[in-house]
Amino acid sequence: QLFTQFGGNKKIIGCVGELQFEVIQYRLLQEYGASVQMNSLPFYKACWLTSTDPKKLEDFIRFKQGNIAEDKDGHIVYLAQSEWFLNTEIQNNPDIKFHFTSEIHK
């Protein structure tokens, strides 16, 4: 998955395992001659957000701006730092649904 940090243009690549990053780096260099620098970010899981209450979703996005990104289709994604943070946000925000796949928008 390719994400763009909310409120900026920093690109974030989300992968299931460390090996996928190495494959991306290798292919970019071998196929396009493009060397890239990748840095690990402290995120545990990406969750797509929906809500029937636009104001609560807007407030959540503003409050958690450092953990918010958009996917390639412009959908809002919460980047959780750990399982504990994710569970806490789910409990504290009952009006926001945290989806673990992007299929909710298809």
PDB file of N, CA and C in Angstrom:
ATOM      1  N   GLN A   1       0.832  -1.192   0.000  1.00  0.00           N
ATOM      2  CA  GLN A   1       0.000   0.000   0.000  1.00  0.00           C
ATOM      3  C   GLN A   1       0.872   1.250   0.000  1.00  0.00           C
ATOM      4  N   LEU A   2       0.415   2.235  -0.714  1.00  0.00           N
ATOM      5  CA  LEU A   2       1.098   3.523  -0.725  1.00  0.00           C
ATOM      6  C   LEU A   2       0.201   4.542  -0.041  1.00  0.00           C
ATOM      7  N   PHE A   3       0.753   5.222   0.949  1.00  0.00           N
ATOM      8  CA  PHE A   3       0.025   6.235   1.697  1.00  0.00           C
ATOM      9  C   PHE A   3       0.742   7.574   1.559  1.00  0.00           C
ATOM     10  N   THR A   4      -0.009   8.654   1.726  1.00  0.00           N
ATOM     11  CA  THR A   4       0.554   9.995   1.780  1.00  0.00           C
ATOM     12  C   THR A   4       0.213  10.568   3.140  1.00  0.00           C
ATOM     13  N   GLN A   5       1.244  11.056   3.828  1.00  0.00           N
ATOM     14  CA  GLN A   5       1.021  11.626   5.153  1.00  0.00           C
ATOM     15  C   GLN A   5       0.012  12.759   5.055  1.00  0.00           C
ATOM     16  N   PHE A   6      -0.941  12.786   5.962  1.00  0.00           N
ATOM     17  CA  PHE A   6      -2.006  13.782   5.952  1.00  0.00           C
ATOM     18  C   PHE A   6      -1.423  15.177   6.138  1.00  0.00           C
ATOM     19  N   GLY A   7      -1.868  16.103   5.311  1.00  0.00           N
ATOM     20  CA  GLY A   7      -1.407  17.481   5.418  1.00  0.00           C
ATOM     21  C   GLY A   7      -0.026  17.716   4.837  1.00  0.00           C
ATOM     22  N   GLY A   8       0.481  16.776   4.071  1.00  0.00           N
ATOM     23  CA  GLY A   8       1.811  16.931   3.489  1.00  0.00           C
ATOM     24  C   GLY A   8       1.923  16.114   2.224  1.00  0.00           C
ATOM     25  N   ASN A   9       3.162  15.829   1.830  1.00  0.00           N
ATOM     26  CA  ASN A   9       3.353  15.023   0.628  1.00  0.00           C
ATOM     27  C   ASN A   9       4.316  13.865   0.861  1.00  0.00           C
ATOM     28  N   LYS A  10       4.662  13.595   2.115  1.00  0.00           N
ATOM     29  CA  LYS A  10       5.561  12.493   2.442  1.00  0.00           C
ATOM     30  C   LYS A  10       4.870  11.167   2.126  1.00  0.00           C
ATOM     31  N   LYS A  11       5.545  10.328   1.350  1.00  0.00           N
ATOM     32  CA  LYS A  11       5.002   9.031   0.960  1.00  0.00           C
ATOM     33  C   LYS A  11       5.413   7.967   1.979  1.00  0.00           C
ATOM     34  N   ILE A  12       4.472   7.089   2.269  1.00  0.00           N
ATOM     35  CA  ILE A  12       4.703   5.996   3.207  1.00  0.00           C
ATOM     36  C   ILE A  12       4.301   4.707   2.504  1.00  0.00           C
ATOM     37  N   ILE A  13       5.209   3.739   2.485  1.00  0.00           N
ATOM     38  CA  ILE A  13       4.904   2.433   1.913  1.00  0.00           C
ATOM     39  C   ILE A  13       4.585   1.494   3.066  1.00  0.00           C
ATOM     40  N   GLY A  14       3.430   0.853   2.981  1.00  0.00           N
ATOM     41  CA  GLY A  14       3.039  -0.118   4.002  1.00  0.00           C
ATOM     42  C   GLY A  14       3.194  -1.524   3.451  1.00  0.00           C
ATOM     43  N   CYS A  15       3.942  -2.351   4.162  1.00  0.00           N
ATOM     44  CA  CYS A  15       4.180  -3.731   3.747  1.00  0.00           C
ATOM     45  C   CYS A  15       3.907  -4.678   4.909  1.00  0.00           C
ATOM     46  N   VAL A  16       3.707  -5.943   4.562  1.00  0.00           N
ATOM     47  CA  VAL A  16       3.445  -6.958   5.579  1.00  0.00           C
ATOM     48  C   VAL A  16       4.725  -7.359   6.293  1.00  0.00           C
ATOM     49  N   GLY A  17       5.832  -7.415   5.587  1.00  0.00           N
ATOM     50  CA  GLY A  17       7.085  -7.833   6.206  1.00  0.00           C
ATOM     51  C   GLY A  17       8.274  -7.051   5.683  1.00  0.00           C
ATOM     52  N   GLU A  18       9.369  -7.158   6.405  1.00  0.00           N
ATOM     53  CA  GLU A  18      10.604  -6.434   6.079  1.00  0.00           C
ATOM     54  C   GLU A  18      11.132  -6.809   4.689  1.00  0.00           C
ATOM     55  N   LEU A  19      10.966  -8.060   4.298  1.00  0.00           N
ATOM     56  CA  LEU A  19      11.468  -8.524   3.004  1.00  0.00           C
ATOM     57  C   LEU A  19      10.825  -7.759   1.846  1.00  0.00           C
ATOM     58  N   GLN A  20       9.575  -7.382   1.980  1.00  0.00           N
ATOM     59  CA  GLN A  20       8.908  -6.644   0.906  1.00  0.00           C
ATOM     60  C   GLN A  20       9.587  -5.301   0.638  1.00  0.00           C
ATOM     61  N   PHE A  21      10.090  -4.659   1.684  1.00  0.00           N
ATOM     62  CA  PHE A  21      10.805  -3.395   1.498  1.00  0.00           C
ATOM     63  C   PHE A  21      12.088  -3.623   0.701  1.00  0.00           C
ATOM     64  N   GLU A  22      12.791  -4.704   1.013  1.00  0.00           N
ATOM     65  CA  GLU A  22      14.027  -5.019   0.296  1.00  0.00           C
ATOM     66  C   GLU A  22      13.740  -5.304  -1.174  1.00  0.00           C
ATOM     67  N   VAL A  23      12.636  -5.995  -1.446  1.00  0.00           N
ATOM     68  CA  VAL A  23      12.257  -6.294  -2.829  1.00  0.00           C
ATOM     69  C   VAL A  23      11.941  -4.999  -3.583  1.00  0.00           C
ATOM     70  N   ILE A  24      11.215  -4.096  -2.958  1.00  0.00           N
ATOM     71  CA  ILE A  24      10.886  -2.805  -3.585  1.00  0.00           C
ATOM     72  C   ILE A  24      12.158  -2.027  -3.893  1.00  0.00           C
ATOM     73  N   GLN A  25      13.052  -1.960  -2.913  1.00  0.00           N
ATOM     74  CA  GLN A  25      14.312  -1.238  -3.094  1.00  0.00           C
ATOM     75  C   GLN A  25      15.113  -1.839  -4.247  1.00  0.00           C
ATOM     76  N   TYR A  26      15.223  -3.155  -4.288  1.00  0.00           N
ATOM     77  CA  TYR A  26      15.981  -3.853  -5.324  1.00  0.00           C
ATOM     78  C   TYR A  26      15.372  -3.593  -6.707  1.00  0.00           C
ATOM     79  N   ARG A  27      14.055  -3.743  -6.810  1.00  0.00           N
ATOM     80  CA  ARG A  27      13.406  -3.570  -8.114  1.00  0.00           C
ATOM     81  C   ARG A  27      13.510  -2.136  -8.620  1.00  0.00           C
ATOM     82  N   LEU A  28      13.368  -1.166  -7.728  1.00  0.00           N
ATOM     83  CA  LEU A  28      13.512   0.228  -8.158  1.00  0.00           C
ATOM     84  C   LEU A  28      14.905   0.486  -8.722  1.00  0.00           C
ATOM     85  N   LEU A  29      15.911  -0.081  -8.078  1.00  0.00           N
ATOM     86  CA  LEU A  29      17.284   0.108  -8.537  1.00  0.00           C
ATOM     87  C   LEU A  29      17.539  -0.647  -9.838  1.00  0.00           C
ATOM     88  N   GLN A  30      17.156  -1.922  -9.896  1.00  0.00           N
ATOM     89  CA  GLN A  30      17.448  -2.758 -11.057  1.00  0.00           C
ATOM     90  C   GLN A  30      16.616  -2.387 -12.285  1.00  0.00           C
ATOM     91  N   GLU A  31      15.347  -2.082 -12.091  1.00  0.00           N
ATOM     92  CA  GLU A  31      14.461  -1.850 -13.224  1.00  0.00           C
ATOM     93  C   GLU A  31      14.401  -0.390 -13.670  1.00  0.00           C
ATOM     94  N   TYR A  32      14.646   0.536 -12.724  1.00  0.00           N
ATOM     95  CA  TYR A  32      14.509   1.954 -13.060  1.00  0.00           C
ATOM     96  C   TYR A  32      15.769   2.769 -12.784  1.00  0.00           C
ATOM     97  N   GLY A  33      16.783   2.133 -12.209  1.00  0.00           N
ATOM     98  CA  GLY A  33      18.008   2.850 -11.882  1.00  0.00           C
ATOM     99  C   GLY A  33      17.814   3.877 -10.779  1.00  0.00           C
ATOM    100  N   ALA A  34      16.784   3.699  -9.991  1.00  0.00           N
ATOM    101  CA  ALA A  34      16.463   4.663  -8.926  1.00  0.00           C
ATOM    102  C   ALA A  34      16.837   4.091  -7.566  1.00  0.00           C
ATOM    103  N   SER A  35      17.792   4.734  -6.927  1.00  0.00           N
ATOM    104  CA  SER A  35      18.122   4.307  -5.568  1.00  0.00           C
ATOM    105  C   SER A  35      17.229   5.087  -4.605  1.00  0.00           C
ATOM    106  N   VAL A  36      16.786   4.408  -3.576  1.00  0.00           N
ATOM    107  CA  VAL A  36      15.893   5.037  -2.599  1.00  0.00           C
ATOM    108  C   VAL A  36      16.419   4.798  -1.196  1.00  0.00           C
ATOM    109  N   GLN A  37      16.073   5.712  -0.329  1.00  0.00           N
ATOM    110  CA  GLN A  37      16.406   5.547   1.081  1.00  0.00           C
ATOM    111  C   GLN A  37      15.103   5.282   1.817  1.00  0.00           C
ATOM    112  N   MET A  38      15.063   4.178   2.537  1.00  0.00           N
ATOM    113  CA  MET A  38      13.866   3.836   3.293  1.00  0.00           C
ATOM    114  C   MET A  38      14.172   3.898   4.776  1.00  0.00           C
ATOM    115  N   ASN A  39      13.255   4.487   5.511  1.00  0.00           N
ATOM    116  CA  ASN A  39      13.381   4.575   6.960  1.00  0.00           C
ATOM    117  C   ASN A  39      12.178   3.899   7.596  1.00  0.00           C
ATOM    118  N   SER A  40      12.430   3.140   8.630  1.00  0.00           N
ATOM    119  CA  SER A  40      11.333   2.500   9.354  1.00  0.00           C
ATOM    120  C   SER A  40      10.554   3.547  10.129  1.00  0.00           C
ATOM    121  N   LEU A  41       9.251   3.366  10.170  1.00  0.00           N
ATOM    122  CA  LEU A  41       8.381   4.246  10.944  1.00  0.00           C
ATOM    123  C   LEU A  41       7.749   3.429  12.065  1.00  0.00           C
ATOM    124  N   PRO A  42       7.389   4.075  13.156  1.00  0.00           N
ATOM    125  CA  PRO A  42       6.908   3.342  14.336  1.00  0.00           C
ATOM    126  C   PRO A  42       5.422   2.975  14.268  1.00  0.00           C
ATOM    127  N   PHE A  43       4.990   2.367  13.162  1.00  0.00           N
ATOM    128  CA  PHE A  43       3.584   2.028  13.039  1.00  0.00           C
ATOM    129  C   PHE A  43       3.391   0.522  13.019  1.00  0.00           C
ATOM    130  N   TYR A  44       2.327   0.104  13.660  1.00  0.00           N
ATOM    131  CA  TYR A  44       1.990  -1.308  13.843  1.00  0.00           C
ATOM    132  C   TYR A  44       0.990  -1.781  12.794  1.00  0.00           C
ATOM    133  N   LYS A  45      -0.017  -0.952  12.529  1.00  0.00           N
ATOM    134  CA  LYS A  45      -1.085  -1.365  11.631  1.00  0.00           C
ATOM    135  C   LYS A  45      -1.780  -0.145  11.034  1.00  0.00           C
ATOM    136  N   ALA A  46      -2.262  -0.303   9.807  1.00  0.00           N
ATOM    137  CA  ALA A  46      -3.041   0.742   9.140  1.00  0.00           C
ATOM    138  C   ALA A  46      -4.513   0.359   9.186  1.00  0.00           C
ATOM    139  N   CYS A  47      -5.372   1.323   9.527  1.00  0.00           N
ATOM    140  CA  CYS A  47      -6.816   1.097   9.586  1.00  0.00           C
ATOM    141  C   CYS A  47      -7.534   2.197   8.820  1.00  0.00           C
ATOM    142  N   TRP A  48      -8.426   1.802   7.935  1.00  0.00           N
ATOM    143  CA  TRP A  48      -9.236   2.766   7.203  1.00  0.00           C
ATOM    144  C   TRP A  48     -10.377   3.199   8.109  1.00  0.00           C
ATOM    145  N   LEU A  49     -10.689   4.485   8.077  1.00  0.00           N
ATOM    146  CA  LEU A  49     -11.682   5.049   8.985  1.00  0.00           C
ATOM    147  C   LEU A  49     -12.964   5.434   8.257  1.00  0.00           C
ATOM    148  N   THR A  50     -14.091   5.136   8.908  1.00  0.00           N
ATOM    149  CA  THR A  50     -15.384   5.629   8.453  1.00  0.00           C
ATOM    150  C   THR A  50     -16.183   6.038   9.683  1.00  0.00           C
ATOM    151  N   SER A  51     -17.168   6.893   9.464  1.00  0.00           N
ATOM    152  CA  SER A  51     -18.036   7.309  10.558  1.00  0.00           C
ATOM    153  C   SER A  51     -19.321   7.887   9.988  1.00  0.00           C
ATOM    154  N   THR A  52     -20.400   7.705  10.727  1.00  0.00           N
ATOM    155  CA  THR A  52     -21.660   8.339  10.344  1.00  0.00           C
ATOM    156  C   THR A  52     -21.740   9.748  10.917  1.00  0.00           C
ATOM    157  N   ASP A  53     -20.732  10.109  11.722  1.00  0.00           N
ATOM    158  CA  ASP A  53     -20.674  11.443  12.333  1.00  0.00           C
ATOM    159  C   ASP A  53     -19.444  12.181  11.795  1.00  0.00           C
ATOM    160  N   PRO A  54     -19.605  12.973  10.732  1.00  0.00           N
ATOM    161  CA  PRO A  54     -18.463  13.661  10.115  1.00  0.00           C
ATOM    162  C   PRO A  54     -17.680  14.538  11.086  1.00  0.00           C
ATOM    163  N   LYS A  55     -18.351  15.165  12.038  1.00  0.00           N
ATOM    164  CA  LYS A  55     -17.677  16.044  13.003  1.00  0.00           C
ATOM    165  C   LYS A  55     -16.733  15.244  13.892  1.00  0.00           C
ATOM    166  N   LYS A  56     -17.162  14.083  14.362  1.00  0.00           N
ATOM    167  CA  LYS A  56     -16.300  13.264  15.220  1.00  0.00           C
ATOM    168  C   LYS A  56     -15.096  12.744  14.444  1.00  0.00           C
ATOM    169  N   LEU A  57     -15.316  12.376  13.192  1.00  0.00           N
ATOM    170  CA  LEU A  57     -14.198  11.925  12.365  1.00  0.00           C
ATOM    171  C   LEU A  57     -13.228  13.074  12.114  1.00  0.00           C
ATOM    172  N   GLU A  58     -13.746  14.241  11.820  1.00  0.00           N
ATOM    173  CA  GLU A  58     -12.908  15.428  11.601  1.00  0.00           C
ATOM    174  C   GLU A  58     -12.088  15.762  12.856  1.00  0.00           C
ATOM    175  N   ASP A  59     -12.718  15.697  14.019  1.00  0.00           N
ATOM    176  CA  ASP A  59     -12.011  15.964  15.279  1.00  0.00           C
ATOM    177  C   ASP A  59     -10.912  14.936  15.522  1.00  0.00           C
ATOM    178  N   PHE A  60     -11.214  13.661  15.260  1.00  0.00           N
ATOM    179  CA  PHE A  60     -10.225  12.599  15.436  1.00  0.00           C
ATOM    180  C   PHE A  60      -9.028  12.844  14.526  1.00  0.00           C
ATOM    181  N   ILE A  61      -9.281  13.173  13.274  1.00  0.00           N
ATOM    182  CA  ILE A  61      -8.207  13.427  12.309  1.00  0.00           C
ATOM    183  C   ILE A  61      -7.342  14.597  12.769  1.00  0.00           C
ATOM    184  N   ARG A  62      -7.969  15.647  13.235  1.00  0.00           N
ATOM    185  CA  ARG A  62      -7.213  16.815  13.694  1.00  0.00           C
ATOM    186  C   ARG A  62      -6.374  16.475  14.930  1.00  0.00           C
ATOM    187  N   PHE A  63      -6.945  15.735  15.866  1.00  0.00           N
ATOM    188  CA  PHE A  63      -6.254  15.394  17.105  1.00  0.00           C
ATOM    189  C   PHE A  63      -5.116  14.392  16.882  1.00  0.00           C
ATOM    190  N   LYS A  64      -5.282  13.499  15.929  1.00  0.00           N
ATOM    191  CA  LYS A  64      -4.299  12.438  15.665  1.00  0.00           C
ATOM    192  C   LYS A  64      -3.537  12.668  14.366  1.00  0.00           C
ATOM    193  N   GLN A  65      -3.356  13.907  13.973  1.00  0.00           N
ATOM    194  CA  GLN A  65      -2.797  14.252  12.668  1.00  0.00           C
ATOM    195  C   GLN A  65      -1.487  13.524  12.344  1.00  0.00           C
ATOM    196  N   GLY A  66      -0.631  13.314  13.330  1.00  0.00           N
ATOM    197  CA  GLY A  66       0.638  12.630  13.087  1.00  0.00           C
ATOM    198  C   GLY A  66       0.489  11.160  12.747  1.00  0.00           C
ATOM    199  N   ASN A  67      -0.695  10.611  12.991  1.00  0.00           N
ATOM    200  CA  ASN A  67      -0.966   9.201  12.715  1.00  0.00           C
ATOM    201  C   ASN A  67      -1.956   9.027  11.561  1.00  0.00           C
ATOM    202  N   ILE A  68      -2.222  10.082  10.839  1.00  0.00           N
ATOM    203  CA  ILE A  68      -3.217  10.030   9.770  1.00  0.00           C
ATOM    204  C   ILE A  68      -2.533  10.136   8.411  1.00  0.00           C
ATOM    205  N   ALA A  69      -3.028   9.314   7.485  1.00  0.00           N
ATOM    206  CA  ALA A  69      -2.533   9.341   6.109  1.00  0.00           C
ATOM    207  C   ALA A  69      -3.731   9.146   5.184  1.00  0.00           C
ATOM    208  N   GLU A  70      -3.474   9.281   3.898  1.00  0.00           N
ATOM    209  CA  GLU A  70      -4.480   8.980   2.880  1.00  0.00           C
ATOM    210  C   GLU A  70      -3.934   7.868   2.004  1.00  0.00           C
ATOM    211  N   ASP A  71      -4.809   6.953   1.584  1.00  0.00           N
ATOM    212  CA  ASP A  71      -4.357   5.920   0.661  1.00  0.00           C
ATOM    213  C   ASP A  71      -4.347   6.486  -0.759  1.00  0.00           C
ATOM    214  N   LYS A  72      -4.016   5.663  -1.728  1.00  0.00           N
ATOM    215  CA  LYS A  72      -3.885   6.137  -3.112  1.00  0.00           C
ATOM    216  C   LYS A  72      -5.200   6.659  -3.686  1.00  0.00           C
ATOM    217  N   ASP A  73      -6.318   6.281  -3.057  1.00  0.00           N
ATOM    218  CA  ASP A  73      -7.626   6.739  -3.514  1.00  0.00           C
ATOM    219  C   ASP A  73      -8.174   7.907  -2.693  1.00  0.00           C
ATOM    220  N   GLY A  74      -7.353   8.431  -1.765  1.00  0.00           N
ATOM    221  CA  GLY A  74      -7.770   9.572  -0.958  1.00  0.00           C
ATOM    222  C   GLY A  74      -8.575   9.228   0.278  1.00  0.00           C
ATOM    223  N   HIS A  75      -8.652   7.942   0.639  1.00  0.00           N
ATOM    224  CA  HIS A  75      -9.381   7.538   1.834  1.00  0.00           C
ATOM    225  C   HIS A  75      -8.501   7.715   3.075  1.00  0.00           C
ATOM    226  N   ILE A  76      -9.142   8.101   4.171  1.00  0.00           N
ATOM    227  CA  ILE A  76      -8.427   8.377   5.418  1.00  0.00           C
ATOM    228  C   ILE A  76      -8.012   7.074   6.100  1.00  0.00           C
ATOM    229  N   VAL A  77      -6.746   7.050   6.552  1.00  0.00           N
ATOM    230  CA  VAL A  77      -6.173   5.871   7.203  1.00  0.00           C
ATOM    231  C   VAL A  77      -5.522   6.299   8.514  1.00  0.00           C
ATOM    232  N   TYR A  78      -5.793   5.535   9.576  1.00  0.00           N
ATOM    233  CA  TYR A  78      -5.145   5.757  10.874  1.00  0.00           C
ATOM    234  C   TYR A  78      -3.977   4.789  10.977  1.00  0.00           C
ATOM    235  N   LEU A  79      -2.788   5.296  11.283  1.00  0.00           N
ATOM    236  CA  LEU A  79      -1.591   4.473  11.450  1.00  0.00           C
ATOM    237  C   LEU A  79      -1.337   4.311  12.945  1.00  0.00           C
ATOM    238  N   ALA A  80      -1.668   3.127  13.450  1.00  0.00           N
ATOM    239  CA  ALA A  80      -1.548   2.859  14.886  1.00  0.00           C
ATOM    240  C   ALA A  80      -0.114   2.494  15.241  1.00  0.00           C
ATOM    241  N   GLN A  81       0.359   3.028  16.370  1.00  0.00           N
ATOM    242  CA  GLN A  81       1.732   2.764  16.805  1.00  0.00           C
ATOM    243  C   GLN A  81       1.893   1.389  17.441  1.00  0.00           C
ATOM    244  N   SER A  82       0.828   0.852  18.012  1.00  0.00           N
ATOM    245  CA  SER A  82       0.892  -0.458  18.659  1.00  0.00           C
ATOM    246  C   SER A  82      -0.521  -1.006  18.791  1.00  0.00           C
ATOM    247  N   GLU A  83      -0.609  -2.267  19.172  1.00  0.00           N
ATOM    248  CA  GLU A  83      -1.918  -2.877  19.400  1.00  0.00           C
ATOM    249  C   GLU A  83      -2.648  -2.156  20.528  1.00  0.00           C
ATOM    250  N   TRP A  84      -1.900  -1.761  21.560  1.00  0.00           N
ATOM    251  CA  TRP A  84      -2.501  -1.053  22.694  1.00  0.00           C
ATOM    252  C   TRP A  84      -3.107   0.280  22.242  1.00  0.00           C
ATOM    253  N   PHE A  85      -2.363   1.058  21.460  1.00  0.00           N
ATOM    254  CA  PHE A  85      -2.884   2.335  20.958  1.00  0.00           C
ATOM    255  C   PHE A  85      -4.134   2.108  20.103  1.00  0.00           C
ATOM    256  N   LEU A  86      -4.089   1.110  19.243  1.00  0.00           N
ATOM    257  CA  LEU A  86      -5.230   0.826  18.378  1.00  0.00           C
ATOM    258  C   LEU A  86      -6.462   0.469  19.208  1.00  0.00           C
ATOM    259  N   ASN A  87      -6.307  -0.448  20.155  1.00  0.00           N
ATOM    260  CA  ASN A  87      -7.438  -0.848  20.996  1.00  0.00           C
ATOM    261  C   ASN A  87      -7.978   0.320  21.806  1.00  0.00           C
ATOM    262  N   THR A  88      -7.085   1.176  22.293  1.00  0.00           N
ATOM    263  CA  THR A  88      -7.507   2.353  23.054  1.00  0.00           C
ATOM    264  C   THR A  88      -8.325   3.298  22.180  1.00  0.00           C
ATOM    265  N   GLU A  89      -7.879   3.538  20.951  1.00  0.00           N
ATOM    266  CA  GLU A  89      -8.618   4.432  20.049  1.00  0.00           C
ATOM    267  C   GLU A  89      -9.976   3.838  19.682  1.00  0.00           C
ATOM    268  N   ILE A  90     -10.022   2.534  19.475  1.00  0.00           N
ATOM    269  CA  ILE A  90     -11.299   1.880  19.160  1.00  0.00           C
ATOM    270  C   ILE A  90     -12.271   2.046  20.326  1.00  0.00           C
ATOM    271  N   GLN A  91     -11.788   1.834  21.546  1.00  0.00           N
ATOM    272  CA  GLN A  91     -12.637   1.979  22.738  1.00  0.00           C
ATOM    273  C   GLN A  91     -13.078   3.423  22.952  1.00  0.00           C
ATOM    274  N   ASN A  92     -12.171   4.364  22.768  1.00  0.00           N
ATOM    275  CA  ASN A  92     -12.462   5.772  23.052  1.00  0.00           C
ATOM    276  C   ASN A  92     -13.246   6.481  21.952  1.00  0.00           C
ATOM    277  N   ASN A  93     -13.393   5.837  20.816  1.00  0.00           N
ATOM    278  CA  ASN A  93     -14.062   6.472  19.673  1.00  0.00           C
ATOM    279  C   ASN A  93     -15.123   5.545  19.077  1.00  0.00           C
ATOM    280  N   PRO A  94     -16.196   5.287  19.825  1.00  0.00           N
ATOM    281  CA  PRO A  94     -17.213   4.338  19.356  1.00  0.00           C
ATOM    282  C   PRO A  94     -17.954   4.789  18.091  1.00  0.00           C
ATOM    283  N   ASP A  95     -17.905   6.068  17.761  1.00  0.00           N
ATOM    284  CA  ASP A  95     -18.588   6.562  16.565  1.00  0.00           C
ATOM    285  C   ASP A  95     -17.729   6.458  15.309  1.00  0.00           C
ATOM    286  N   ILE A  96     -16.502   5.992  15.472  1.00  0.00           N
ATOM    287  CA  ILE A  96     -15.596   5.819  14.336  1.00  0.00           C
ATOM    288  C   ILE A  96     -15.340   4.330  14.163  1.00  0.00           C
ATOM    289  N   LYS A  97     -15.462   3.864  12.936  1.00  0.00           N
ATOM    290  CA  LYS A  97     -15.198   2.458  12.630  1.00  0.00           C
ATOM    291  C   LYS A  97     -13.783   2.333  12.082  1.00  0.00           C
ATOM    292  N   PHE A  98     -13.028   1.378  12.615  1.00  0.00           N
ATOM    293  CA  PHE A  98     -11.659   1.105  12.202  1.00  0.00           C
ATOM    294  C   PHE A  98     -11.686  -0.177  11.373  1.00  0.00           C
ATOM    295  N   HIS A  99     -11.391  -0.060  10.084  1.00  0.00           N
ATOM    296  CA  HIS A  99     -11.430  -1.199   9.165  1.00  0.00           C
ATOM    297  C   HIS A  99      -9.996  -1.628   8.849  1.00  0.00           C
ATOM    298  N   PHE A 100      -9.767  -2.939   8.821  1.00  0.00           N
ATOM    299  CA  PHE A 100      -8.411  -3.449   8.632  1.00  0.00           C
ATOM    300  C   PHE A 100      -8.055  -3.730   7.179  1.00  0.00           C
ATOM    301  N   THR A 101      -8.994  -3.506   6.271  1.00  0.00           N
ATOM    302  CA  THR A 101      -8.694  -3.612   4.839  1.00  0.00           C
ATOM    303  C   THR A 101      -9.350  -2.437   4.117  1.00  0.00           C
ATOM    304  N   SER A 102      -8.861  -2.158   2.931  1.00  0.00           N
ATOM    305  CA  SER A 102      -9.396  -1.028   2.161  1.00  0.00           C
ATOM    306  C   SER A 102     -10.638  -1.410   1.364  1.00  0.00           C
ATOM    307  N   GLU A 103     -11.040  -2.670   1.414  1.00  0.00           N
ATOM    308  CA  GLU A 103     -12.186  -3.129   0.623  1.00  0.00           C
ATOM    309  C   GLU A 103     -13.492  -2.441   1.011  1.00  0.00           C
ATOM    310  N   ILE A 104     -13.543  -1.800   2.160  1.00  0.00           N
ATOM    311  CA  ILE A 104     -14.767  -1.136   2.594  1.00  0.00           C
ATOM    312  C   ILE A 104     -15.168  -0.026   1.636  1.00  0.00           C
ATOM    313  N   HIS A 105     -14.238   0.453   0.831  1.00  0.00           N
ATOM    314  CA  HIS A 105     -14.514   1.561  -0.092  1.00  0.00           C
ATOM    315  C   HIS A 105     -14.796   1.084  -1.513  1.00  0.00           C
ATOM    316  N   LYS A 106     -14.877  -0.211  -1.712  1.00  0.00           N
ATOM    317  CA  LYS A 106     -15.080  -0.727  -3.081  1.00  0.00           C
ATOM    318  C   LYS A 106     -16.518  -1.087  -3.321  1.00  0.00           C
TER     319      LYS A 106
END
